[in-house]
Each structure stands twice: as structure tokens, then as C-alpha cells.
Amino acid sequence: LGLTSEGWCNVMPITYVEEGKTVQIQKITGKDKLRSHLANMGFVEKGNITVIQRVAGNMILEVKGTRVAIDEALANRIMV
């Protein structure tokens, strides 16, 4: 849970978002190298991403018009 000017809000990993939903990235967790790697793929705070599909625990996400497949461990670092 985080505190915003509007009050409390829920922040959760992208892995909890339903297929077809578009959400805004609130935070990327992890070490600098991991956050940099995700940023290079287009995953940046305040950026929008869409959950396209889940396949065998992995996720296909659309970010900046490109579909990207990531594993569940990496997806759990993307907080929305």
C-alpha cells in the first residue's frame, strides 16, 4: 500500500492483472541492473502496459506498441 495525495492506494505486481487490461506502472523493484534492463525494454514508471496473455507462468505484455514476453519472476518486479 502506498500513500498518494488522494489517500491510500493499492499497488500490486502486474501478475495480478487480468488479461486485456491496461495499467500504469507505479514502480519497478529490484537492483539497478534489473531495473535498467526492464527500462531498456520499455518498462518505465508512469508508462502504460497491457496484459496480453499468460502462457505457462510467463506473461506476454504490450509496452509502447511492442509485445514482450517475460517470466513470472521478472513480472513480479513490475508494480502497478
PDB file of N, CA and C in Angstrom:
ATOM      1  N   LEU A   1       0.835  -1.196   0.000  1.00  0.00           N
ATOM      2  CA  LEU A   1       0.000   0.000   0.000  1.00  0.00           C
ATOM      3  C   LEU A   1       0.864   1.238   0.000  1.00  0.00           C
ATOM      4  N   GLY A   2       0.446   2.211  -0.737  1.00  0.00           N
ATOM      5  CA  GLY A   2       1.188   3.457  -0.785  1.00  0.00           C
ATOM      6  C   GLY A   2       0.276   4.633  -0.509  1.00  0.00           C
ATOM      7  N   LEU A   3       0.831   5.737  -0.118  1.00  0.00           N
ATOM      8  CA  LEU A   3       0.051   6.930   0.187  1.00  0.00           C
ATOM      9  C   LEU A   3       0.225   7.933  -0.936  1.00  0.00           C
ATOM     10  N   THR A   4      -0.893   8.383  -1.475  1.00  0.00           N
ATOM     11  CA  THR A   4      -0.865   9.419  -2.508  1.00  0.00           C
ATOM     12  C   THR A   4      -1.589  10.645  -1.971  1.00  0.00           C
ATOM     13  N   SER A   5      -1.598  11.713  -2.735  1.00  0.00           N
ATOM     14  CA  SER A   5      -2.292  12.927  -2.301  1.00  0.00           C
ATOM     15  C   SER A   5      -3.799  12.690  -2.185  1.00  0.00           C
ATOM     16  N   GLU A   6      -4.318  11.679  -2.897  1.00  0.00           N
ATOM     17  CA  GLU A   6      -5.743  11.363  -2.841  1.00  0.00           C
ATOM     18  C   GLU A   6      -6.064  10.419  -1.687  1.00  0.00           C
ATOM     19  N   GLY A   7      -5.042   9.860  -1.035  1.00  0.00           N
ATOM     20  CA  GLY A   7      -5.258   8.901   0.047  1.00  0.00           C
ATOM     21  C   GLY A   7      -4.534   7.606  -0.251  1.00  0.00           C
ATOM     22  N   TRP A   8      -4.966   6.518   0.380  1.00  0.00           N
ATOM     23  CA  TRP A   8      -4.306   5.225   0.202  1.00  0.00           C
ATOM     24  C   TRP A   8      -4.666   4.620  -1.137  1.00  0.00           C
ATOM     25  N   CYS A   9      -3.707   3.950  -1.731  1.00  0.00           N
ATOM     26  CA  CYS A   9      -3.957   3.253  -2.985  1.00  0.00           C
ATOM     27  C   CYS A   9      -3.284   1.890  -2.923  1.00  0.00           C
ATOM     28  N   ASN A  10      -3.801   0.955  -3.686  1.00  0.00           N
ATOM     29  CA  ASN A  10      -3.221  -0.383  -3.733  1.00  0.00           C
ATOM     30  C   ASN A  10      -2.213  -0.467  -4.859  1.00  0.00           C
ATOM     31  N   VAL A  11      -1.065  -1.015  -4.568  1.00  0.00           N
ATOM     32  CA  VAL A  11      -0.046  -1.270  -5.581  1.00  0.00           C
ATOM     33  C   VAL A  11       0.190  -2.771  -5.564  1.00  0.00           C
ATOM     34  N   MET A  12       0.195  -3.381  -6.757  1.00  0.00           N
ATOM     35  CA  MET A  12       0.367  -4.833  -6.833  1.00  0.00           C
ATOM     36  C   MET A  12       1.218  -5.179  -8.043  1.00  0.00           C
ATOM     37  N   PRO A  13       1.798  -6.385  -8.052  1.00  0.00           N
ATOM     38  CA  PRO A  13       2.568  -6.817  -9.222  1.00  0.00           C
ATOM     39  C   PRO A  13       1.663  -6.998 -10.439  1.00  0.00           C
ATOM     40  N   ILE A  14       2.213  -6.802 -11.612  1.00  0.00           N
ATOM     41  CA  ILE A  14       1.466  -6.966 -12.864  1.00  0.00           C
ATOM     42  C   ILE A  14       0.892  -8.377 -12.988  1.00  0.00           C
ATOM     43  N   THR A  15       1.461  -9.340 -12.280  1.00  0.00           N
ATOM     44  CA  THR A  15       0.984 -10.726 -12.355  1.00  0.00           C
ATOM     45  C   THR A  15      -0.454 -10.876 -11.858  1.00  0.00           C
ATOM     46  N   TYR A  16      -0.966  -9.898 -11.109  1.00  0.00           N
ATOM     47  CA  TYR A  16      -2.340  -9.950 -10.603  1.00  0.00           C
ATOM     48  C   TYR A  16      -3.357  -9.304 -11.539  1.00  0.00           C
ATOM     49  N   VAL A  17      -2.895  -8.713 -12.629  1.00  0.00           N
ATOM     50  CA  VAL A  17      -3.786  -8.008 -13.553  1.00  0.00           C
ATOM     51  C   VAL A  17      -4.373  -8.990 -14.565  1.00  0.00           C
ATOM     52  N   GLU A  18      -5.664  -8.817 -14.857  1.00  0.00           N
ATOM     53  CA  GLU A  18      -6.362  -9.684 -15.802  1.00  0.00           C
ATOM     54  C   GLU A  18      -5.888  -9.449 -17.233  1.00  0.00           C
ATOM     55  N   GLU A  19      -5.997 -10.499 -18.050  1.00  0.00           N
ATOM     56  CA  GLU A  19      -5.678 -10.368 -19.481  1.00  0.00           C
ATOM     57  C   GLU A  19      -6.595  -9.320 -20.099  1.00  0.00           C
ATOM     58  N   GLY A  20      -6.033  -8.514 -20.987  1.00  0.00           N
ATOM     59  CA  GLY A  20      -6.801  -7.487 -21.688  1.00  0.00           C
ATOM     60  C   GLY A  20      -6.814  -6.135 -20.999  1.00  0.00           C
ATOM     61  N   LYS A  21      -6.358  -6.062 -19.759  1.00  0.00           N
ATOM     62  CA  LYS A  21      -6.362  -4.796 -19.012  1.00  0.00           C
ATOM     63  C   LYS A  21      -5.094  -4.000 -19.276  1.00  0.00           C
ATOM     64  N   THR A  22      -5.258  -2.687 -19.358  1.00  0.00           N
ATOM     65  CA  THR A  22      -4.119  -1.772 -19.482  1.00  0.00           C
ATOM     66  C   THR A  22      -3.978  -1.033 -18.160  1.00  0.00           C
ATOM     67  N   VAL A  23      -2.767  -0.999 -17.638  1.00  0.00           N
ATOM     68  CA  VAL A  23      -2.494  -0.365 -16.348  1.00  0.00           C
ATOM     69  C   VAL A  23      -1.239   0.502 -16.452  1.00  0.00           C
ATOM     70  N   GLN A  24      -1.049   1.361 -15.455  1.00  0.00           N
ATOM     71  CA  GLN A  24       0.130   2.234 -15.416  1.00  0.00           C
ATOM     72  C   GLN A  24       1.139   1.695 -14.406  1.00  0.00           C
ATOM     73  N   ILE A  25       2.392   1.664 -14.806  1.00  0.00           N
ATOM     74  CA  ILE A  25       3.458   1.209 -13.916  1.00  0.00           C
ATOM     75  C   ILE A  25       3.683   2.262 -12.833  1.00  0.00           C
ATOM     76  N   GLN A  26       3.636   1.821 -11.577  1.00  0.00           N
ATOM     77  CA  GLN A  26       3.867   2.724 -10.447  1.00  0.00           C
ATOM     78  C   GLN A  26       5.308   2.667  -9.974  1.00  0.00           C
ATOM     79  N   LYS A  27       5.906   1.465 -10.032  1.00  0.00           N
ATOM     80  CA  LYS A  27       7.262   1.301  -9.521  1.00  0.00           C
ATOM     81  C   LYS A  27       7.860   0.030 -10.095  1.00  0.00           C
ATOM     82  N   ILE A  28       9.176   0.042 -10.299  1.00  0.00           N
ATOM     83  CA  ILE A  28       9.927  -1.154 -10.681  1.00  0.00           C
ATOM     84  C   ILE A  28      10.831  -1.476  -9.491  1.00  0.00           C
ATOM     85  N   THR A  29      10.705  -2.688  -8.954  1.00  0.00           N
ATOM     86  CA  THR A  29      11.523  -3.065  -7.810  1.00  0.00           C
ATOM     87  C   THR A  29      12.705  -3.909  -8.267  1.00  0.00           C
ATOM     88  N   GLY A  30      13.703  -4.026  -7.411  1.00  0.00           N
ATOM     89  CA  GLY A  30      14.879  -4.829  -7.734  1.00  0.00           C
ATOM     90  C   GLY A  30      16.139  -3.986  -7.790  1.00  0.00           C
ATOM     91  N   LYS A  31      17.231  -4.652  -8.094  1.00  0.00           N
ATOM     92  CA  LYS A  31      18.531  -3.982  -8.161  1.00  0.00           C
ATOM     93  C   LYS A  31      18.626  -3.108  -9.407  1.00  0.00           C
ATOM     94  N   ASP A  32      19.583  -2.195  -9.402  1.00  0.00           N
ATOM     95  CA  ASP A  32      19.751  -1.238 -10.505  1.00  0.00           C
ATOM     96  C   ASP A  32      19.863  -1.929 -11.855  1.00  0.00           C
ATOM     97  N   LYS A  33      20.625  -3.014 -11.917  1.00  0.00           N
ATOM     98  CA  LYS A  33      20.829  -3.715 -13.191  1.00  0.00           C
ATOM     99  C   LYS A  33      19.506  -4.255 -13.737  1.00  0.00           C
ATOM    100  N   LEU A  34      18.689  -4.802 -12.870  1.00  0.00           N
ATOM    101  CA  LEU A  34      17.393  -5.340 -13.271  1.00  0.00           C
ATOM    102  C   LEU A  34      16.456  -4.223 -13.721  1.00  0.00           C
ATOM    103  N   ARG A  35      16.414  -3.133 -12.956  1.00  0.00           N
ATOM    104  CA  ARG A  35      15.550  -2.002 -13.325  1.00  0.00           C
ATOM    105  C   ARG A  35      15.999  -1.395 -14.647  1.00  0.00           C
ATOM    106  N   SER A  36      17.302  -1.324 -14.871  1.00  0.00           N
ATOM    107  CA  SER A  36      17.837  -0.803 -16.125  1.00  0.00           C
ATOM    108  C   SER A  36      17.458  -1.715 -17.293  1.00  0.00           C
ATOM    109  N   HIS A  37      17.547  -3.019 -17.076  1.00  0.00           N
ATOM    110  CA  HIS A  37      17.176  -3.995 -18.111  1.00  0.00           C
ATOM    111  C   HIS A  37      15.703  -3.824 -18.493  1.00  0.00           C
ATOM    112  N   LEU A  38      14.824  -3.706 -17.502  1.00  0.00           N
ATOM    113  CA  LEU A  38      13.402  -3.514 -17.777  1.00  0.00           C
ATOM    114  C   LEU A  38      13.146  -2.172 -18.473  1.00  0.00           C
ATOM    115  N   ALA A  39      13.865  -1.129 -18.058  1.00  0.00           N
ATOM    116  CA  ALA A  39      13.708   0.185 -18.694  1.00  0.00           C
ATOM    117  C   ALA A  39      14.111   0.122 -20.164  1.00  0.00           C
ATOM    118  N   ASN A  40      15.163  -0.634 -20.475  1.00  0.00           N
ATOM    119  CA  ASN A  40      15.592  -0.786 -21.870  1.00  0.00           C
ATOM    120  C   ASN A  40      14.542  -1.480 -22.720  1.00  0.00           C
ATOM    121  N   MET A  41      13.690  -2.291 -22.079  1.00  0.00           N
ATOM    122  CA  MET A  41      12.602  -2.969 -22.804  1.00  0.00           C
ATOM    123  C   MET A  41      11.350  -2.101 -22.867  1.00  0.00           C
ATOM    124  N   GLY A  42      11.386  -0.927 -22.216  1.00  0.00           N
ATOM    125  CA  GLY A  42      10.246  -0.014 -22.273  1.00  0.00           C
ATOM    126  C   GLY A  42       9.418   0.052 -21.010  1.00  0.00           C
ATOM    127  N   PHE A  43       9.785  -0.722 -19.996  1.00  0.00           N
ATOM    128  CA  PHE A  43       9.044  -0.720 -18.737  1.00  0.00           C
ATOM    129  C   PHE A  43       9.578   0.384 -17.841  1.00  0.00           C
ATOM    130  N   VAL A  44       8.877   1.529 -17.825  1.00  0.00           N
ATOM    131  CA  VAL A  44       9.302   2.682 -17.034  1.00  0.00           C
ATOM    132  C   VAL A  44       8.131   3.160 -16.180  1.00  0.00           C
ATOM    133  N   GLU A  45       8.449   3.768 -15.039  1.00  0.00           N
ATOM    134  CA  GLU A  45       7.413   4.289 -14.160  1.00  0.00           C
ATOM    135  C   GLU A  45       6.545   5.294 -14.906  1.00  0.00           C
ATOM    136  N   LYS A  46       5.258   5.218 -14.653  1.00  0.00           N
ATOM    137  CA  LYS A  46       4.205   6.042 -15.266  1.00  0.00           C
ATOM    138  C   LYS A  46       3.896   5.629 -16.710  1.00  0.00           C
ATOM    139  N   GLY A  47       4.582   4.605 -17.220  1.00  0.00           N
ATOM    140  CA  GLY A  47       4.281   4.086 -18.550  1.00  0.00           C
ATOM    141  C   GLY A  47       3.119   3.105 -18.486  1.00  0.00           C
ATOM    142  N   ASN A  48       2.373   2.995 -19.571  1.00  0.00           N
ATOM    143  CA  ASN A  48       1.247   2.071 -19.630  1.00  0.00           C
ATOM    144  C   ASN A  48       1.676   0.740 -20.220  1.00  0.00           C
ATOM    145  N   ILE A  49       1.107  -0.340 -19.669  1.00  0.00           N
ATOM    146  CA  ILE A  49       1.335  -1.675 -20.216  1.00  0.00           C
ATOM    147  C   ILE A  49       0.013  -2.429 -20.229  1.00  0.00           C
ATOM    148  N   THR A  50      -0.120  -3.323 -21.206  1.00  0.00           N
ATOM    149  CA  THR A  50      -1.320  -4.146 -21.353  1.00  0.00           C
ATOM    150  C   THR A  50      -0.936  -5.605 -21.200  1.00  0.00           C
ATOM    151  N   VAL A  51      -1.722  -6.330 -20.402  1.00  0.00           N
ATOM    152  CA  VAL A  51      -1.526  -7.771 -20.261  1.00  0.00           C
ATOM    153  C   VAL A  51      -2.219  -8.428 -21.456  1.00  0.00           C
ATOM    154  N   ILE A  52      -1.436  -9.082 -22.302  1.00  0.00           N
ATOM    155  CA  ILE A  52      -1.982  -9.735 -23.495  1.00  0.00           C
ATOM    156  C   ILE A  52      -2.373 -11.172 -23.182  1.00  0.00           C
ATOM    157  N   GLN A  53      -1.447 -11.919 -22.570  1.00  0.00           N
ATOM    158  CA  GLN A  53      -1.699 -13.341 -22.366  1.00  0.00           C
ATOM    159  C   GLN A  53      -0.764 -13.909 -21.309  1.00  0.00           C
ATOM    160  N   ARG A  54      -1.218 -14.985 -20.683  1.00  0.00           N
ATOM    161  CA  ARG A  54      -0.372 -15.761 -19.770  1.00  0.00           C
ATOM    162  C   ARG A  54      -0.125 -17.112 -20.424  1.00  0.00           C
ATOM    163  N   VAL A  55       1.127 -17.541 -20.433  1.00  0.00           N
ATOM    164  CA  VAL A  55       1.489 -18.820 -21.041  1.00  0.00           C
ATOM    165  C   VAL A  55       2.443 -19.545 -20.106  1.00  0.00           C
ATOM    166  N   ALA A  56       1.993 -20.643 -19.528  1.00  0.00           N
ATOM    167  CA  ALA A  56       2.832 -21.493 -18.665  1.00  0.00           C
ATOM    168  C   ALA A  56       3.583 -20.690 -17.602  1.00  0.00           C
ATOM    169  N   GLY A  57       2.886 -19.779 -16.928  1.00  0.00           N
ATOM    170  CA  GLY A  57       3.504 -18.985 -15.869  1.00  0.00           C
ATOM    171  C   GLY A  57       4.220 -17.738 -16.355  1.00  0.00           C
ATOM    172  N   ASN A  58       4.439 -17.623 -17.651  1.00  0.00           N
ATOM    173  CA  ASN A  58       5.064 -16.434 -18.221  1.00  0.00           C
ATOM    174  C   ASN A  58       3.970 -15.477 -18.679  1.00  0.00           C
ATOM    175  N   MET A  59       4.364 -14.252 -18.993  1.00  0.00           N
ATOM    176  CA  MET A  59       3.384 -13.256 -19.430  1.00  0.00           C
ATOM    177  C   MET A  59       3.818 -12.614 -20.733  1.00  0.00           C
ATOM    178  N   ILE A  60       2.837 -12.336 -21.566  1.00  0.00           N
ATOM    179  CA  ILE A  60       3.072 -11.530 -22.762  1.00  0.00           C
ATOM    180  C   ILE A  60       2.418 -10.182 -22.485  1.00  0.00           C
ATOM    181  N   LEU A  61       3.231  -9.137 -22.517  1.00  0.00           N
ATOM    182  CA  LEU A  61       2.785  -7.785 -22.220  1.00  0.00           C
ATOM    183  C   LEU A  61       3.025  -6.898 -23.434  1.00  0.00           C
ATOM    184  N   GLU A  62       2.180  -5.890 -23.593  1.00  0.00           N
ATOM    185  CA  GLU A  62       2.416  -4.910 -24.648  1.00  0.00           C
ATOM    186  C   GLU A  62       2.843  -3.609 -24.003  1.00  0.00           C
ATOM    187  N   VAL A  63       3.996  -3.130 -24.435  1.00  0.00           N
ATOM    188  CA  VAL A  63       4.542  -1.879 -23.918  1.00  0.00           C
ATOM    189  C   VAL A  63       5.036  -1.051 -25.100  1.00  0.00           C
ATOM    190  N   LYS A  64       4.567   0.172 -25.188  1.00  0.00           N
ATOM    191  CA  LYS A  64       4.953   1.083 -26.271  1.00  0.00           C
ATOM    192  C   LYS A  64       4.764   0.459 -27.647  1.00  0.00           C
ATOM    193  N   GLY A  65       3.639  -0.259 -27.829  1.00  0.00           N
ATOM    194  CA  GLY A  65       3.312  -0.831 -29.124  1.00  0.00           C
ATOM    195  C   GLY A  65       4.037  -2.121 -29.468  1.00  0.00           C
ATOM    196  N   THR A  66       4.832  -2.645 -28.541  1.00  0.00           N
ATOM    197  CA  THR A  66       5.597  -3.870 -28.788  1.00  0.00           C
ATOM    198  C   THR A  66       5.197  -4.935 -27.781  1.00  0.00           C
ATOM    199  N   ARG A  67       5.052  -6.172 -28.251  1.00  0.00           N
ATOM    200  CA  ARG A  67       4.754  -7.282 -27.352  1.00  0.00           C
ATOM    201  C   ARG A  67       6.056  -7.879 -26.829  1.00  0.00           C
ATOM    202  N   VAL A  68       6.082  -8.082 -25.505  1.00  0.00           N
ATOM    203  CA  VAL A  68       7.276  -8.587 -24.836  1.00  0.00           C
ATOM    204  C   VAL A  68       6.863  -9.753 -23.946  1.00  0.00           C
ATOM    205  N   ALA A  69       7.620 -10.847 -24.013  1.00  0.00           N
ATOM    206  CA  ALA A  69       7.376 -11.989 -23.139  1.00  0.00           C
ATOM    207  C   ALA A  69       8.384 -11.954 -21.999  1.00  0.00           C
ATOM    208  N   ILE A  70       7.881 -12.059 -20.760  1.00  0.00           N
ATOM    209  CA  ILE A  70       8.764 -12.095 -19.592  1.00  0.00           C
ATOM    210  C   ILE A  70       8.301 -13.203 -18.653  1.00  0.00           C
ATOM    211  N   ASP A  71       9.236 -13.682 -17.832  1.00  0.00           N
ATOM    212  CA  ASP A  71       8.862 -14.739 -16.891  1.00  0.00           C
ATOM    213  C   ASP A  71       8.191 -14.131 -15.659  1.00  0.00           C
ATOM    214  N   GLU A  72       7.582 -15.010 -14.876  1.00  0.00           N
ATOM    215  CA  GLU A  72       6.802 -14.558 -13.727  1.00  0.00           C
ATOM    216  C   GLU A  72       7.663 -13.825 -12.702  1.00  0.00           C
ATOM    217  N   ALA A  73       8.890 -14.271 -12.475  1.00  0.00           N
ATOM    218  CA  ALA A  73       9.776 -13.623 -11.501  1.00  0.00           C
ATOM    219  C   ALA A  73      10.051 -12.178 -11.902  1.00  0.00           C
ATOM    220  N   LEU A  74      10.279 -11.932 -13.182  1.00  0.00           N
ATOM    221  CA  LEU A  74      10.512 -10.577 -13.675  1.00  0.00           C
ATOM    222  C   LEU A  74       9.223  -9.756 -13.598  1.00  0.00           C
ATOM    223  N   ALA A  75       8.106 -10.374 -13.966  1.00  0.00           N
ATOM    224  CA  ALA A  75       6.819  -9.677 -13.927  1.00  0.00           C
ATOM    225  C   ALA A  75       6.474  -9.225 -12.507  1.00  0.00           C
ATOM    226  N   ASN A  76       6.867 -10.007 -11.511  1.00  0.00           N
ATOM    227  CA  ASN A  76       6.576  -9.643 -10.122  1.00  0.00           C
ATOM    228  C   ASN A  76       7.329  -8.398  -9.670  1.00  0.00           C
ATOM    229  N   ARG A  77       8.314  -7.944 -10.430  1.00  0.00           N
ATOM    230  CA  ARG A  77       9.064  -6.718 -10.121  1.00  0.00           C
ATOM    231  C   ARG A  77       8.357  -5.463 -10.642  1.00  0.00           C
ATOM    232  N   ILE A  78       7.364  -5.659 -11.505  1.00  0.00           N
ATOM    233  CA  ILE A  78       6.652  -4.532 -12.110  1.00  0.00           C
ATOM    234  C   ILE A  78       5.395  -4.274 -11.297  1.00  0.00           C
ATOM    235  N   MET A  79       5.397  -3.178 -10.555  1.00  0.00           N
ATOM    236  CA  MET A  79       4.283  -2.834  -9.675  1.00  0.00           C
ATOM    237  C   MET A  79       3.347  -1.840 -10.357  1.00  0.00           C
ATOM    238  N   VAL A  80       2.058  -2.145 -10.305  1.00  0.00           N
ATOM    239  CA  VAL A  80       1.051  -1.302 -10.962  1.00  0.00           C
ATOM    240  C   VAL A  80      -0.001  -0.855  -9.961  1.00  0.00           C
TER     241      VAL A  80
END
